[in-house]
C-alpha atoms as a PDB file:
ATOM      1  CA  MET A   1     -16.714 -19.042  -5.312  1.00  0.00           C
ATOM      2  CA  ILE A   2     -17.761 -16.370  -2.807  1.00  0.00           C
ATOM      3  CA  LYS A   3     -19.196 -17.889   0.409  1.00  0.00           C
ATOM      4  CA  ILE A   4     -22.124 -16.054   1.688  1.00  0.00           C
ATOM      5  CA  LYS A   5     -22.254 -16.291   5.579  1.00  0.00           C
ATOM      6  CA  THR A   6     -25.192 -16.920   7.709  1.00  0.00           C
ATOM      7  CA  ASP A   7     -26.165 -14.579  10.654  1.00  0.00           C
ATOM      8  CA  GLU A   8     -25.101 -17.505  12.892  1.00  0.00           C
ATOM      9  CA  GLN A   9     -21.716 -18.093  11.233  1.00  0.00           C
ATOM     10  CA  ILE A  10     -21.017 -14.152  11.349  1.00  0.00           C
ATOM     11  CA  GLY A  11     -21.922 -14.472  15.118  1.00  0.00           C
ATOM     12  CA  LEU A  12     -19.197 -16.979  15.463  1.00  0.00           C
ATOM     13  CA  MET A  13     -16.804 -15.021  13.429  1.00  0.00           C
ATOM     14  CA  ALA A  14     -17.505 -12.046  15.632  1.00  0.00           C
ATOM     15  CA  VAL A  15     -16.447 -13.905  18.792  1.00  0.00           C
ATOM     16  CA  SER A  16     -13.293 -14.684  17.046  1.00  0.00           C
ATOM     17  CA  GLY A  17     -12.856 -11.196  15.923  1.00  0.00           C
ATOM     18  CA  LYS A  18     -13.360  -9.618  19.341  1.00  0.00           C
ATOM     19  CA  VAL A  19     -10.256 -11.491  20.543  1.00  0.00           C
ATOM     20  CA  THR A  20      -8.187 -10.590  17.650  1.00  0.00           C
ATOM     21  CA  GLY A  21      -9.111  -7.063  18.182  1.00  0.00           C
ATOM     22  CA  ARG A  22      -8.272  -7.097  21.854  1.00  0.00           C
ATOM     23  CA  ILE A  23      -5.061  -8.709  21.243  1.00  0.00           C
ATOM     24  CA  LEU A  24      -4.043  -6.024  18.708  1.00  0.00           C
ATOM     25  CA  HIS A  25      -5.149  -3.270  21.064  1.00  0.00           C
ATOM     26  CA  ASP A  26      -3.113  -4.677  23.994  1.00  0.00           C
ATOM     27  CA  LEU A  27      -0.202  -5.106  21.941  1.00  0.00           C
ATOM     28  CA  ALA A  28       0.458  -1.255  21.656  1.00  0.00           C
ATOM     29  CA  ASP A  29       1.325  -1.254  25.425  1.00  0.00           C
ATOM     30  CA  MET A  30       4.062  -3.780  25.379  1.00  0.00           C
ATOM     31  CA  ILE A  31       5.654  -2.834  21.811  1.00  0.00           C
ATOM     32  CA  ARG A  32       8.635  -0.728  22.999  1.00  0.00           C
ATOM     33  CA  PRO A  33      12.378  -0.767  22.570  1.00  0.00           C
ATOM     34  CA  GLY A  34      14.127  -3.949  23.746  1.00  0.00           C
ATOM     35  CA  VAL A  35      11.246  -6.240  23.056  1.00  0.00           C
ATOM     36  CA  SER A  36      12.051  -9.243  20.725  1.00  0.00           C
ATOM     37  CA  THR A  37       9.675 -10.096  17.736  1.00  0.00           C
ATOM     38  CA  LYS A  38       9.333 -13.468  19.447  1.00  0.00           C
ATOM     39  CA  GLU A  39       7.985 -11.870  22.700  1.00  0.00           C
ATOM     40  CA  ILE A  40       5.437 -10.419  20.773  1.00  0.00           C
ATOM     41  CA  ASP A  41       4.466 -13.830  19.151  1.00  0.00           C
ATOM     42  CA  ARG A  42       4.387 -15.366  22.636  1.00  0.00           C
ATOM     43  CA  PHE A  43       1.954 -12.760  23.829  1.00  0.00           C
ATOM     44  CA  VAL A  44      -0.239 -13.335  20.987  1.00  0.00           C
ATOM     45  CA  GLU A  45      -0.344 -17.020  21.258  1.00  0.00           C
ATOM     46  CA  ALA A  46      -0.739 -17.012  25.052  1.00  0.00           C
ATOM     47  CA  ALA A  47      -3.733 -14.560  24.540  1.00  0.00           C
ATOM     48  CA  ILE A  48      -5.422 -16.752  21.960  1.00  0.00           C
ATOM     49  CA  LEU A  49      -5.108 -19.805  23.832  1.00  0.00           C
ATOM     50  CA  ALA A  50      -6.340 -18.362  27.147  1.00  0.00           C
ATOM     51  CA  GLU A  51      -9.649 -17.938  25.246  1.00  0.00           C
ATOM     52  CA  GLY A  52      -9.640 -21.472  24.340  1.00  0.00           C
ATOM     53  CA  MET A  53      -9.103 -20.606  20.499  1.00  0.00           C
ATOM     54  CA  THR A  54      -6.601 -21.380  17.984  1.00  0.00           C
ATOM     55  CA  PRO A  55      -3.851 -19.470  16.527  1.00  0.00           C
ATOM     56  CA  THR A  56      -4.884 -19.628  12.643  1.00  0.00           C
ATOM     57  CA  PHE A  57      -1.522 -18.691  11.383  1.00  0.00           C
ATOM     58  CA  LYS A  58       0.548 -21.375  13.354  1.00  0.00           C
ATOM     59  CA  GLY A  59       1.290 -24.284  11.016  1.00  0.00           C
ATOM     60  CA  TYR A  60      -0.413 -22.628   8.131  1.00  0.00           C
ATOM     61  CA  GLY A  61       1.560 -23.590   5.108  1.00  0.00           C
ATOM     62  CA  GLY A  62       4.296 -24.444   7.472  1.00  0.00           C
ATOM     63  CA  PHE A  63       4.426 -20.957   9.143  1.00  0.00           C
ATOM     64  CA  PRO A  64       6.232 -21.395  12.446  1.00  0.00           C
ATOM     65  CA  ALA A  65       4.499 -18.899  14.639  1.00  0.00           C
ATOM     66  CA  SER A  66       1.304 -17.581  15.876  1.00  0.00           C
ATOM     67  CA  ALA A  67       1.717 -13.977  14.614  1.00  0.00           C
ATOM     68  CA  CYS A  68       3.480 -12.547  11.655  1.00  0.00           C
ATOM     69  CA  VAL A  69       5.710  -9.816  12.845  1.00  0.00           C
ATOM     70  CA  SER A  70       7.429  -7.701  10.464  1.00  0.00           C
ATOM     71  CA  VAL A  71       9.792  -4.676  11.113  1.00  0.00           C
ATOM     72  CA  ASN A  72      10.737  -1.478   8.914  1.00  0.00           C
ATOM     73  CA  GLU A  73      11.141  -2.786   5.377  1.00  0.00           C
ATOM     74  CA  GLU A  74       9.537  -6.094   6.146  1.00  0.00           C
ATOM     75  CA  LEU A  75       6.003  -5.821   4.742  1.00  0.00           C
ATOM     76  CA  VAL A  76       4.375  -9.069   5.857  1.00  0.00           C
ATOM     77  CA  HIS A  77       4.931 -12.623   6.913  1.00  0.00           C
ATOM     78  CA  GLY A  78       7.881 -11.729   9.282  1.00  0.00           C
ATOM     79  CA  ILE A  79       9.029 -14.739  11.272  1.00  0.00           C
ATOM     80  CA  PRO A  80       9.208 -13.778  15.079  1.00  0.00           C
ATOM     81  CA  ARG A  81      12.731 -14.199  16.295  1.00  0.00           C
ATOM     82  CA  GLU A  82      14.383 -14.139  19.764  1.00  0.00           C
ATOM     83  CA  THR A  83      17.226 -12.237  18.231  1.00  0.00           C
ATOM     84  CA  ARG A  84      15.248  -9.607  16.360  1.00  0.00           C
ATOM     85  CA  ILE A  85      15.184  -6.840  18.865  1.00  0.00           C
ATOM     86  CA  LEU A  86      12.900  -3.858  18.461  1.00  0.00           C
ATOM     87  CA  ASN A  87      14.930  -0.465  18.587  1.00  0.00           C
ATOM     88  CA  GLU A  88      13.745   3.105  19.113  1.00  0.00           C
ATOM     89  CA  GLY A  89      12.302   4.618  15.870  1.00  0.00           C
ATOM     90  CA  ASP A  90      11.445   1.158  14.269  1.00  0.00           C
ATOM     91  CA  ILE A  91       7.947   0.476  13.121  1.00  0.00           C
ATOM     92  CA  VAL A  92       6.502  -3.115  13.340  1.00  0.00           C
ATOM     93  CA  SER A  93       3.475  -4.632  11.763  1.00  0.00           C
ATOM     94  CA  VAL A  94       1.699  -7.494  13.666  1.00  0.00           C
ATOM     95  CA  ASP A  95      -0.686  -9.779  11.628  1.00  0.00           C
ATOM     96  CA  VAL A  96      -2.953 -12.041  13.836  1.00  0.00           C
ATOM     97  CA  GLY A  97      -5.557 -14.757  12.831  1.00  0.00           C
ATOM     98  CA  VAL A  98      -7.711 -16.334  15.282  1.00  0.00           C
ATOM     99  CA  THR A  99     -10.068 -19.518  14.875  1.00  0.00           C
ATOM    100  CA  TYR A 100     -13.118 -20.121  16.935  1.00  0.00           C
ATOM    101  CA  LYS A 101     -15.230 -23.265  16.360  1.00  0.00           C
ATOM    102  CA  GLY A 102     -13.850 -23.565  12.770  1.00  0.00           C
ATOM    103  CA  TRP A 103     -14.284 -19.757  11.895  1.00  0.00           C
ATOM    104  CA  VAL A 104     -11.415 -17.325  11.245  1.00  0.00           C
ATOM    105  CA  SER A 105     -10.906 -13.661  11.845  1.00  0.00           C
ATOM    106  CA  ASP A 106      -7.789 -11.792  10.457  1.00  0.00           C
ATOM    107  CA  ALA A 107      -6.342  -8.342  11.234  1.00  0.00           C
ATOM    108  CA  ALA A 108      -3.171  -6.485  11.478  1.00  0.00           C
ATOM    109  CA  ARG A 109      -1.801  -3.159  12.718  1.00  0.00           C
ATOM    110  CA  THR A 110       1.522  -1.241  12.255  1.00  0.00           C
ATOM    111  CA  TYR A 111       3.056   0.284  15.460  1.00  0.00           C
ATOM    112  CA  ALA A 112       5.529   2.844  16.358  1.00  0.00           C
ATOM    113  CA  VAL A 113       8.383   1.727  18.705  1.00  0.00           C
ATOM    114  CA  GLY A 114       8.964   4.721  20.873  1.00  0.00           C
ATOM    115  CA  GLU A 115       9.608   7.921  18.848  1.00  0.00           C
ATOM    116  CA  VAL A 116       9.562   7.504  15.191  1.00  0.00           C
ATOM    117  CA  SER A 117      10.525   9.722  12.220  1.00  0.00           C
ATOM    118  CA  GLU A 118       7.732  12.074  10.439  1.00  0.00           C
ATOM    119  CA  THR A 119       7.813   9.525   7.490  1.00  0.00           C
ATOM    120  CA  ALA A 120       7.315   6.552   9.502  1.00  0.00           C
ATOM    121  CA  ALA A 121       4.369   8.254  11.346  1.00  0.00           C
ATOM    122  CA  ARG A 122       2.735   9.237   7.992  1.00  0.00           C
ATOM    123  CA  ILE A 123       3.122   5.874   6.624  1.00  0.00           C
ATOM    124  CA  ILE A 124       1.337   4.287   9.618  1.00  0.00           C
ATOM    125  CA  ARG A 125      -1.432   6.776   9.595  1.00  0.00           C
ATOM    126  CA  ALA A 126      -1.811   6.383   5.721  1.00  0.00           C
ATOM    127  CA  ALA A 127      -2.133   2.646   5.923  1.00  0.00           C
ATOM    128  CA  LYS A 128      -4.900   2.983   8.561  1.00  0.00           C
ATOM    129  CA  GLU A 129      -6.684   5.837   6.945  1.00  0.00           C
ATOM    130  CA  SER A 130      -6.796   4.163   3.563  1.00  0.00           C
ATOM    131  CA  PHE A 131      -8.523   1.171   5.204  1.00  0.00           C
ATOM    132  CA  PHE A 132     -11.067   3.444   6.482  1.00  0.00           C
ATOM    133  CA  GLU A 133     -11.639   5.108   3.199  1.00  0.00           C
ATOM    134  CA  GLY A 134     -12.177   1.611   1.711  1.00  0.00           C
ATOM    135  CA  LEU A 135     -14.736   0.683   4.275  1.00  0.00           C
ATOM    136  CA  LYS A 136     -16.721   3.797   3.118  1.00  0.00           C
ATOM    137  CA  ALA A 137     -17.373   1.750  -0.031  1.00  0.00           C
ATOM    138  CA  CYS A 138     -18.549  -1.442   1.922  1.00  0.00           C
ATOM    139  CA  ARG A 139     -21.988  -1.358   1.149  1.00  0.00           C
ATOM    140  CA  ALA A 140     -24.441  -3.991  -0.412  1.00  0.00           C
ATOM    141  CA  GLY A 141     -24.996  -3.040  -4.158  1.00  0.00           C
ATOM    142  CA  ASN A 142     -21.425  -1.548  -4.553  1.00  0.00           C
ATOM    143  CA  ARG A 143     -18.813  -3.334  -6.477  1.00  0.00           C
ATOM    144  CA  LEU A 144     -15.795  -4.836  -5.079  1.00  0.00           C
ATOM    145  CA  SER A 145     -13.463  -2.489  -7.012  1.00  0.00           C
ATOM    146  CA  ASP A 146     -15.104   0.399  -5.242  1.00  0.00           C
ATOM    147  CA  ILE A 147     -13.076  -0.518  -2.162  1.00  0.00           C
ATOM    148  CA  SER A 148     -10.003  -1.015  -4.089  1.00  0.00           C
ATOM    149  CA  HIS A 149     -10.095   2.364  -5.849  1.00  0.00           C
ATOM    150  CA  ALA A 150     -10.873   4.209  -2.441  1.00  0.00           C
ATOM    151  CA  ILE A 151      -7.749   2.518  -0.689  1.00  0.00           C
ATOM    152  CA  GLN A 152      -5.454   3.188  -3.753  1.00  0.00           C
ATOM    153  CA  ALA A 153      -6.573   7.036  -3.840  1.00  0.00           C
ATOM    154  CA  ARG A 154      -5.843   7.634  -0.292  1.00  0.00           C
ATOM    155  CA  ILE A 155      -2.336   5.778  -0.336  1.00  0.00           C
ATOM    156  CA  GLU A 156      -1.263   7.788  -3.378  1.00  0.00           C
ATOM    157  CA  GLU A 157      -2.568  11.072  -2.129  1.00  0.00           C
ATOM    158  CA  ASP A 158      -0.067  10.788   0.624  1.00  0.00           C
ATOM    159  CA  GLY A 159       2.809  10.010  -1.828  1.00  0.00           C
ATOM    160  CA  PHE A 160       3.046   6.351  -1.094  1.00  0.00           C
ATOM    161  CA  SER A 161       3.088   3.249  -3.281  1.00  0.00           C
ATOM    162  CA  VAL A 162       0.395   0.544  -3.326  1.00  0.00           C
ATOM    163  CA  VAL A 163       1.794  -3.011  -3.248  1.00  0.00           C
ATOM    164  CA  LEU A 164       0.499  -4.945  -6.179  1.00  0.00           C
ATOM    165  CA  ASP A 165       1.710  -8.479  -5.377  1.00  0.00           C
ATOM    166  CA  TYR A 166      -0.328  -9.119  -2.211  1.00  0.00           C
ATOM    167  CA  VAL A 167      -3.928  -8.433  -1.737  1.00  0.00           C
ATOM    168  CA  GLY A 168      -6.774  -8.770   0.816  1.00  0.00           C
ATOM    169  CA  HIS A 169      -9.183 -11.719   0.467  1.00  0.00           C
ATOM    170  CA  GLY A 170     -12.525 -13.412   1.695  1.00  0.00           C
ATOM    171  CA  VAL A 171     -12.412 -15.223   4.982  1.00  0.00           C
ATOM    172  CA  GLY A 172     -14.578 -17.568   6.821  1.00  0.00           C
ATOM    173  CA  ARG A 173     -14.004 -21.274   7.523  1.00  0.00           C
ATOM    174  CA  GLU A 174     -10.644 -20.728   5.543  1.00  0.00           C
ATOM    175  CA  MET A 175      -8.121 -17.863   6.130  1.00  0.00           C
ATOM    176  CA  HIS A 176      -8.180 -17.179   2.496  1.00  0.00           C
ATOM    177  CA  GLU A 177     -11.257 -17.444   0.317  1.00  0.00           C
ATOM    178  CA  ASP A 178     -12.597 -15.760  -2.691  1.00  0.00           C
ATOM    179  CA  PRO A 179     -12.544 -12.968  -3.738  1.00  0.00           C
ATOM    180  CA  GLN A 180      -9.379 -11.191  -3.826  1.00  0.00           C
ATOM    181  CA  VAL A 181      -9.698  -7.743  -2.536  1.00  0.00           C
ATOM    182  CA  LYS A 182      -7.051  -5.682  -4.403  1.00  0.00           C
ATOM    183  CA  ASN A 183      -5.767  -2.259  -2.914  1.00  0.00           C
ATOM    184  CA  TYR A 184      -5.738  -0.656  -6.284  1.00  0.00           C
ATOM    185  CA  GLY A 185      -7.845  -0.335  -9.530  1.00  0.00           C
ATOM    186  CA  GLU A 186     -10.703   1.595 -11.130  1.00  0.00           C
ATOM    187  CA  ALA A 187     -14.067   1.832  -9.483  1.00  0.00           C
ATOM    188  CA  GLY A 188     -17.128   0.001 -10.721  1.00  0.00           C
ATOM    189  CA  SER A 189     -15.931  -3.553 -11.507  1.00  0.00           C
ATOM    190  CA  GLY A 190     -15.624  -6.983  -9.928  1.00  0.00           C
ATOM    191  CA  PRO A 191     -18.514  -8.693  -7.909  1.00  0.00           C
ATOM    192  CA  THR A 192     -21.340  -6.730  -6.431  1.00  0.00           C
ATOM    193  CA  LEU A 193     -21.086  -6.672  -2.735  1.00  0.00           C
ATOM    194  CA  ALA A 194     -23.815  -8.392  -0.829  1.00  0.00           C
ATOM    195  CA  LYS A 195     -25.103  -9.070   2.743  1.00  0.00           C
ATOM    196  CA  GLY A 196     -23.076 -11.784   4.241  1.00  0.00           C
ATOM    197  CA  MET A 197     -19.856 -11.224   2.518  1.00  0.00           C
ATOM    198  CA  ALA A 198     -16.867 -11.403   4.914  1.00  0.00           C
ATOM    199  CA  LEU A 199     -13.564  -9.652   3.583  1.00  0.00           C
ATOM    200  CA  ALA A 200     -10.182  -9.210   5.052  1.00  0.00           C
ATOM    201  CA  ILE A 201      -9.487  -5.895   3.850  1.00  0.00           C
ATOM    202  CA  GLU A 202      -5.760  -4.862   4.163  1.00  0.00           C
ATOM    203  CA  PRO A 203      -3.946  -2.012   2.807  1.00  0.00           C
ATOM    204  CA  MET A 204      -0.323  -2.818   2.322  1.00  0.00           C
ATOM    205  CA  ILE A 205       1.963   0.244   1.293  1.00  0.00           C
ATOM    206  CA  ASN A 206       5.474   1.038   0.677  1.00  0.00           C
ATOM    207  CA  GLU A 207       7.341   4.274   1.325  1.00  0.00           C
ATOM    208  CA  GLY A 208       9.359   4.022  -1.974  1.00  0.00           C
ATOM    209  CA  VAL A 209       8.780   1.799  -5.148  1.00  0.00           C
ATOM    210  CA  SER A 210       5.739  -0.644  -5.016  1.00  0.00           C
ATOM    211  CA  ARG A 211       7.965  -3.794  -5.837  1.00  0.00           C
ATOM    212  CA  VAL A 212       8.707  -6.423  -3.079  1.00  0.00           C
ATOM    213  CA  LYS A 213      10.719  -9.433  -2.925  1.00  0.00           C
ATOM    214  CA  THR A 214      10.737 -12.555  -0.451  1.00  0.00           C
ATOM    215  CA  LEU A 215      13.776 -13.298   1.724  1.00  0.00           C
ATOM    216  CA  ASP A 216      15.533 -16.678   1.677  1.00  0.00           C
ATOM    217  CA  ASP A 217      13.529 -17.854   4.504  1.00  0.00           C
ATOM    218  CA  ASN A 218      10.568 -18.137   1.904  1.00  0.00           C
ATOM    219  CA  TRP A 219       8.380 -16.108   4.152  1.00  0.00           C
ATOM    220  CA  THR A 220       9.387 -12.475   4.925  1.00  0.00           C
ATOM    221  CA  VAL A 221       8.305 -10.040   2.160  1.00  0.00           C
ATOM    222  CA  VAL A 222      10.392  -6.807   1.992  1.00  0.00           C
ATOM    223  CA  THR A 223      10.505  -3.666   0.130  1.00  0.00           C
ATOM    224  CA  PHE A 224      12.705  -3.765  -3.001  1.00  0.00           C
ATOM    225  CA  ASP A 225      14.616  -0.762  -2.080  1.00  0.00           C
ATOM    226  CA  GLY A 226      14.772  -1.277   1.617  1.00  0.00           C
ATOM    227  CA  LYS A 227      12.545   1.643   2.335  1.00  0.00           C
ATOM    228  CA  LEU A 228       9.579   1.373   5.021  1.00  0.00           C
ATOM    229  CA  ALA A 229       6.297  -0.575   4.541  1.00  0.00           C
ATOM    230  CA  ALA A 230       3.048  -0.565   6.579  1.00  0.00           C
ATOM    231  CA  HIS A 231       0.160  -2.765   6.890  1.00  0.00           C
ATOM    232  CA  TYR A 232      -3.300  -2.263   8.446  1.00  0.00           C
ATOM    233  CA  GLU A 233      -6.150  -4.974   8.087  1.00  0.00           C
ATOM    234  CA  ASN A 234      -9.506  -5.809   9.518  1.00  0.00           C
ATOM    235  CA  THR A 235     -12.201  -8.555   8.912  1.00  0.00           C
ATOM    236  CA  VAL A 236     -15.284  -6.796   7.552  1.00  0.00           C
ATOM    237  CA  ILE A 237     -18.878  -8.069   7.192  1.00  0.00           C
ATOM    238  CA  ILE A 238     -21.119  -6.659   4.460  1.00  0.00           C
ATOM    239  CA  THR A 239     -24.598  -5.928   5.920  1.00  0.00           C
ATOM    240  CA  GLU A 240     -27.739  -4.451   4.534  1.00  0.00           C
ATOM    241  CA  ALA A 241     -26.650  -1.289   6.244  1.00  0.00           C
ATOM    242  CA  GLU A 242     -23.352  -0.269   7.689  1.00  0.00           C
ATOM    243  CA  PRO A 243     -20.451  -2.696   7.468  1.00  0.00           C
ATOM    244  CA  LEU A 244     -19.505  -4.530  10.287  1.00  0.00           C
ATOM    245  CA  VAL A 245     -15.888  -4.544  11.473  1.00  0.00           C
ATOM    246  CA  ILE A 246     -15.537  -7.534  13.764  1.00  0.00           C
ATOM    247  CA  THR A 247     -11.838  -7.125  14.496  1.00  0.00           C
ATOM    248  CA  LEU A 248     -11.803  -3.411  15.677  1.00  0.00           C
ATOM    249  CA  ASP A 249     -11.637  -3.174  19.484  1.00  0.00           C
ATOM    250  CA  GLU A 250     -14.000  -0.677  20.789  1.00  0.00           C
ATOM    251  CA  ARG A 251     -11.229   1.355  22.435  1.00  0.00           C
ATOM    252  CA  ASP A 252      -9.916   1.967  19.133  1.00  0.00           C
ATOM    253  CA  VAL A 253     -13.037   3.203  17.422  1.00  0.00           C
END
């Protein structure tokens, strides 16, 4: 069942979302060669706790960290480690969830580590731009798959693959609520978008084949062919007019 949020509830989510967006913006300055993925996790956790909020991911389903940090062929759910050091030319996605007074915001970015290849820069850009193509469809009265179709079209326009096994989702009191928000499909189907829906829209794309697999740690999802993956996500509120992106820092607009 899709849970419609009140204006008060959206206000609480927006407080959380502002912190999430700021953290993801600030990470761009610390992500560089020589930094470990665990350092990124510590930065994220400290920033959340400093605001008196809770890292949503830590302990969720047994996940051991406050951020998912996924490098190169790792698509999502990478476990931060002291021994995983970023190198020049890597790309790294960081997924962050913040809970404030019981209300969750969820967002992710993929960053370049130093100078990266043309392909790496393109896949980072395609993940971000496909989100904003989907955002154009986030209007009350549209259908959910209108978002999905717009995302898929943008990804495939650049010659990349849409991941089929992982999708976006509703968000609110729980990190994962109805509905599932696919990054693929034909337009014109699924639930009608309505004021008060809160959606975590998150294009996940691969350089090569769309297939993925999970490593033996039971968390880290990697591309099947070992090629690059990218991830971009924001929490979006459907309104009577323009959609509200609560996890996008104003400096990134």
